[in-house]
């Protein structure tokens, strides 16, 4: 199951963290993976592309490069994202705008650029990385929560518009994920307190998020459209 042989997948944020894990998991299932990021990309990608997802021209150029190199984009995973955290009364407008530009506008720009070809061909899989923060208020996360809630709204709208053309659009919403950065940020008393709020009493491992993305990218998920797959150990079930 979940064989992606012959598929071309474009993964943003592929230089590290969840994006790198997703790129590797898609490649392991047989996909030809194009990784896109502002940083240096390694691993099992077939091609690496530099992109600022918040720049409309750069987003389109990235998709055009992948199509020129590999012929098309069958799967798009929007994993690029940032978290600029501060109490709401202290959060600067620049930090607010940058968070939404990368997390929300960037996902829309990449989906729009890749979606044109998917709609024309009558097939596509788009997976957006949302978060438990999309449906839960978290202290110091005003911009981040807003951007991820927006991801879910965008996901549902694209699913409705593009579903008739064979394109599914879904979101994955993780809890804290123990990437290298996640371990550094949450290895403290605040992390211990947050872990205790999760019914599973632990954070997620990167392969668990990648597995959810692989499923949504596969033929077996053809009837899953406009969904938010929560991989949060039950945090948002409370």
Protein backbone atom coordinates (compact mmCIF):
# COMPACT_ATOMS: atom_id res chain seq x y z
CA UNK A 1 0.00 0.00 0.00
CA UNK A 2 0.89 3.67 -0.43
CA UNK A 3 3.20 2.96 -3.37
CA UNK A 4 4.23 6.27 -4.94
CA UNK A 5 6.39 4.88 -7.72
CA UNK A 6 6.19 7.16 -10.74
CA UNK A 7 4.92 10.16 -8.77
CA UNK A 8 6.76 13.47 -8.64
CA UNK A 9 6.58 15.13 -5.23
CA UNK A 10 7.62 18.68 -4.35
CA UNK A 11 8.30 19.28 -0.65
CA UNK A 12 8.92 22.76 0.74
CA UNK A 13 10.91 23.18 3.93
CA UNK A 14 12.88 20.11 2.88
CA UNK A 15 16.23 21.19 4.31
CA UNK A 16 15.43 20.12 7.87
CA UNK A 17 12.87 18.98 10.38
CA UNK A 18 9.51 17.67 9.26
CA UNK A 19 10.13 18.62 5.64
CA UNK A 20 13.31 16.58 5.44
CA UNK A 21 11.60 13.61 7.08
CA UNK A 22 8.67 13.84 4.67
CA UNK A 23 10.98 14.04 1.67
CA UNK A 24 12.76 10.89 2.78
CA UNK A 25 9.52 9.03 3.45
CA UNK A 26 8.07 9.91 0.04
CA UNK A 27 11.29 8.81 -1.65
CA UNK A 28 11.19 5.54 0.29
CA UNK A 29 7.75 4.88 -1.22
CA UNK A 30 9.11 5.34 -4.72
CA UNK A 31 8.38 9.00 -5.43
CA UNK A 32 10.77 11.26 -7.29
CA UNK A 33 11.22 14.02 -4.73
CA UNK A 34 12.12 17.64 -5.43
CA UNK A 35 13.11 19.46 -2.26
CA UNK A 36 12.67 23.21 -1.90
CA UNK A 37 13.99 25.49 0.81
CA UNK A 38 16.09 28.55 1.55
CA UNK A 39 18.66 26.28 3.17
CA UNK A 40 20.90 23.53 1.87
CA UNK A 41 19.01 20.34 1.04
CA UNK A 42 20.49 16.88 1.39
CA UNK A 43 19.04 13.42 1.78
CA UNK A 44 17.16 11.42 -0.83
CA UNK A 45 15.88 14.24 -3.03
CA UNK A 46 16.20 13.92 -6.79
CA UNK A 47 16.65 17.67 -7.17
CA UNK A 48 17.07 20.67 -4.85
CA UNK A 49 15.50 24.06 -5.43
CA UNK A 50 15.96 27.35 -3.61
CA UNK A 51 12.73 29.17 -2.87
CA UNK A 52 11.27 31.88 -0.65
CA UNK A 53 7.70 30.60 -0.56
CA UNK A 54 6.38 34.03 0.44
CA UNK A 55 7.54 35.50 -2.89
CA UNK A 56 4.98 34.92 -5.68
CA UNK A 57 7.58 34.95 -8.45
CA UNK A 58 9.88 32.60 -6.54
CA UNK A 59 7.05 30.17 -5.83
CA UNK A 60 6.07 30.02 -9.49
CA UNK A 61 9.69 29.73 -10.60
CA UNK A 62 10.22 26.82 -8.20
CA UNK A 63 7.27 24.89 -9.61
CA UNK A 64 8.38 25.71 -13.16
CA UNK A 65 11.86 24.37 -12.40
CA UNK A 66 10.47 21.11 -11.02
CA UNK A 67 8.19 20.66 -14.04
CA UNK A 68 11.09 21.38 -16.42
CA UNK A 69 13.26 18.84 -14.58
CA UNK A 70 10.75 16.09 -13.84
CA UNK A 71 7.81 16.73 -16.16
CA UNK A 72 5.08 17.59 -13.65
CA UNK A 73 4.17 17.88 -9.97
CA UNK A 74 1.83 15.15 -8.71
CA UNK A 75 2.24 15.80 -5.00
CA UNK A 76 2.88 19.09 -3.21
CA UNK A 77 3.72 19.13 0.50
CA UNK A 78 3.71 22.59 2.06
CA UNK A 79 6.01 22.10 5.04
CA UNK A 80 7.92 25.39 5.05
CA UNK A 81 7.08 27.41 8.13
CA UNK A 82 8.35 29.64 10.91
CA UNK A 83 7.32 30.38 14.49
CA UNK A 84 8.01 33.88 15.81
CA UNK A 85 6.64 33.80 19.34
CA UNK A 86 5.82 36.60 21.75
CA UNK A 87 2.97 37.68 24.02
CA UNK A 88 0.22 39.28 21.95
CA UNK A 89 0.77 42.70 23.52
CA UNK A 90 4.44 42.57 22.57
CA UNK A 91 4.27 40.92 19.15
CA UNK A 92 5.50 43.30 16.47
CA UNK A 93 3.67 43.84 13.22
CA UNK A 94 6.74 42.73 11.27
CA UNK A 95 6.80 39.40 13.12
CA UNK A 96 3.06 39.03 12.56
CA UNK A 97 3.33 39.71 8.84
CA UNK A 98 6.37 37.50 8.34
CA UNK A 99 4.70 34.56 10.09
CA UNK A 100 1.58 34.81 7.94
CA UNK A 101 3.62 35.49 4.80
CA UNK A 102 5.61 32.27 5.16
CA UNK A 103 3.13 29.92 6.79
CA UNK A 104 -0.13 30.92 5.13
CA UNK A 105 0.59 33.02 2.05
CA UNK A 106 3.52 30.77 1.14
CA UNK A 107 1.32 27.68 1.26
CA UNK A 108 -1.27 29.39 -0.93
CA UNK A 109 1.30 30.59 -3.47
CA UNK A 110 2.86 27.14 -3.80
CA UNK A 111 -0.56 25.47 -4.01
CA UNK A 112 -1.71 27.92 -6.66
CA UNK A 113 1.46 27.47 -8.72
CA UNK A 114 1.37 23.66 -8.55
CA UNK A 115 -2.42 23.44 -8.63
CA UNK A 116 -2.72 24.89 -12.12
CA UNK A 117 -0.97 21.90 -13.65
CA UNK A 118 -2.77 19.43 -11.38
CA UNK A 119 -6.18 20.76 -12.37
CA UNK A 120 -5.23 20.68 -16.06
CA UNK A 121 -4.04 17.07 -15.84
CA UNK A 122 -6.94 15.96 -13.66
CA UNK A 123 -4.81 14.62 -10.80
CA UNK A 124 -2.98 15.94 -7.78
CA UNK A 125 -2.32 15.61 -4.07
CA UNK A 126 -1.65 18.66 -1.89
CA UNK A 127 -0.81 18.22 1.79
CA UNK A 128 -0.50 21.31 3.96
CA UNK A 129 1.21 21.28 7.35
CA UNK A 130 -1.09 22.89 9.86
CA UNK A 131 -0.75 22.34 13.62
CA UNK A 132 -2.61 21.68 16.85
CA UNK A 133 -2.28 25.47 17.08
CA UNK A 134 -4.87 25.72 14.29
CA UNK A 135 -7.63 24.84 16.72
CA UNK A 136 -6.16 25.62 20.16
CA UNK A 137 -5.15 28.91 21.68
CA UNK A 138 -1.53 28.80 22.83
CA UNK A 139 0.22 31.51 24.81
CA UNK A 140 2.72 33.57 22.80
CA UNK A 141 1.44 31.99 19.55
CA UNK A 142 -0.94 34.68 18.25
CA UNK A 143 0.58 34.91 14.77
CA UNK A 144 1.39 31.21 14.56
CA UNK A 145 -2.11 30.13 15.63
CA UNK A 146 -3.67 32.56 13.17
CA UNK A 147 -1.50 31.32 10.31
CA UNK A 148 -2.25 27.66 11.00
CA UNK A 149 -5.98 28.26 11.40
CA UNK A 150 -5.78 29.96 8.03
CA UNK A 151 -4.14 26.85 6.60
CA UNK A 152 -7.20 24.82 7.48
CA UNK A 153 -9.53 27.35 5.87
CA UNK A 154 -7.38 27.40 2.75
CA UNK A 155 -7.27 23.61 2.68
CA UNK A 156 -11.04 23.25 2.79
CA UNK A 157 -11.60 25.87 0.10
CA UNK A 158 -9.09 24.36 -2.32
CA UNK A 159 -10.56 20.92 -1.67
CA UNK A 160 -13.99 22.16 -2.70
CA UNK A 161 -12.74 24.03 -5.78
CA UNK A 162 -10.27 21.44 -7.08
CA UNK A 163 -11.88 18.18 -5.98
CA UNK A 164 -13.96 17.93 -9.17
CA UNK A 165 -10.69 17.90 -11.13
CA UNK A 166 -9.14 14.95 -9.32
CA UNK A 167 -7.08 17.05 -6.92
CA UNK A 168 -7.30 16.40 -3.18
CA UNK A 169 -6.16 18.96 -0.63
CA UNK A 170 -5.71 17.97 3.01
CA UNK A 171 -3.88 19.13 6.12
CA UNK A 172 -1.84 17.39 8.79
CA UNK A 173 -1.92 18.93 12.27
CA UNK A 174 0.86 17.70 14.56
CA UNK A 175 1.50 18.38 18.19
CA UNK A 176 5.08 19.27 19.12
CA UNK A 177 7.37 17.20 16.92
CA UNK A 178 10.75 16.07 18.21
CA UNK A 179 12.90 17.32 15.38
CA UNK A 180 16.32 18.67 16.35
CA UNK A 181 14.77 22.11 16.81
CA UNK A 182 11.77 20.73 18.65
CA UNK A 183 13.97 18.94 21.15
CA UNK A 184 15.95 22.10 21.84
CA UNK A 185 12.89 24.30 22.27
CA UNK A 186 10.84 21.93 24.42
CA UNK A 187 13.51 20.22 26.58
CA UNK A 188 12.61 22.28 29.63
CA UNK A 189 9.91 22.64 32.31
CA UNK A 190 7.53 24.24 29.81
CA UNK A 191 7.92 21.16 27.63
CA UNK A 192 7.25 18.88 30.57
CA UNK A 193 4.08 20.81 31.39
CA UNK A 194 2.85 20.72 27.80
CA UNK A 195 3.59 17.02 27.47
CA UNK A 196 1.41 16.40 30.51
CA UNK A 197 -1.50 18.11 28.71
CA UNK A 198 -1.39 15.55 25.88
CA UNK A 199 -3.43 12.41 26.59
CA UNK A 200 -0.71 10.26 25.00
CA UNK A 201 1.74 11.90 27.43
CA UNK A 202 4.41 12.38 24.81
CA UNK A 203 5.35 14.47 21.77
CA UNK A 204 5.34 13.18 18.20
CA UNK A 205 8.32 11.72 16.37
CA UNK A 206 9.09 13.00 12.82
CA UNK A 207 8.36 9.63 11.12
CA UNK A 208 4.82 9.69 12.56
CA UNK A 209 4.11 12.96 10.76
CA UNK A 210 5.75 11.75 7.57
CA UNK A 211 3.61 8.61 7.61
CA UNK A 212 0.45 10.73 7.71
CA UNK A 213 1.68 12.76 4.74
CA UNK A 214 2.55 9.63 2.75
CA UNK A 215 -0.96 8.29 3.30
CA UNK A 216 -2.62 11.52 2.13
CA UNK A 217 -0.32 11.61 -0.92
CA UNK A 218 -1.25 8.08 -1.93
CA UNK A 219 -3.91 6.62 -4.20
CA UNK A 220 -5.47 4.94 -1.17
CA UNK A 221 -6.48 8.37 0.16
CA UNK A 222 -8.37 9.36 -2.99
CA UNK A 223 -11.63 9.91 -1.07
CA UNK A 224 -10.00 11.95 1.68
CA UNK A 225 -10.42 15.58 0.68
CA UNK A 226 -10.61 18.75 2.74
CA UNK A 227 -9.68 16.86 5.90
CA UNK A 228 -7.47 17.80 8.82
CA UNK A 229 -5.58 14.74 10.04
CA UNK A 230 -4.58 15.44 13.64
CA UNK A 231 -1.44 13.72 14.85
CA UNK A 232 -1.48 15.28 18.30
CA UNK A 233 -1.87 12.44 20.78
CA UNK A 234 -5.35 13.67 21.63
CA UNK A 235 -4.39 17.22 22.66
CA UNK A 236 -7.22 18.84 20.72
CA UNK A 237 -9.73 16.13 21.68
CA UNK A 238 -10.12 17.61 25.15
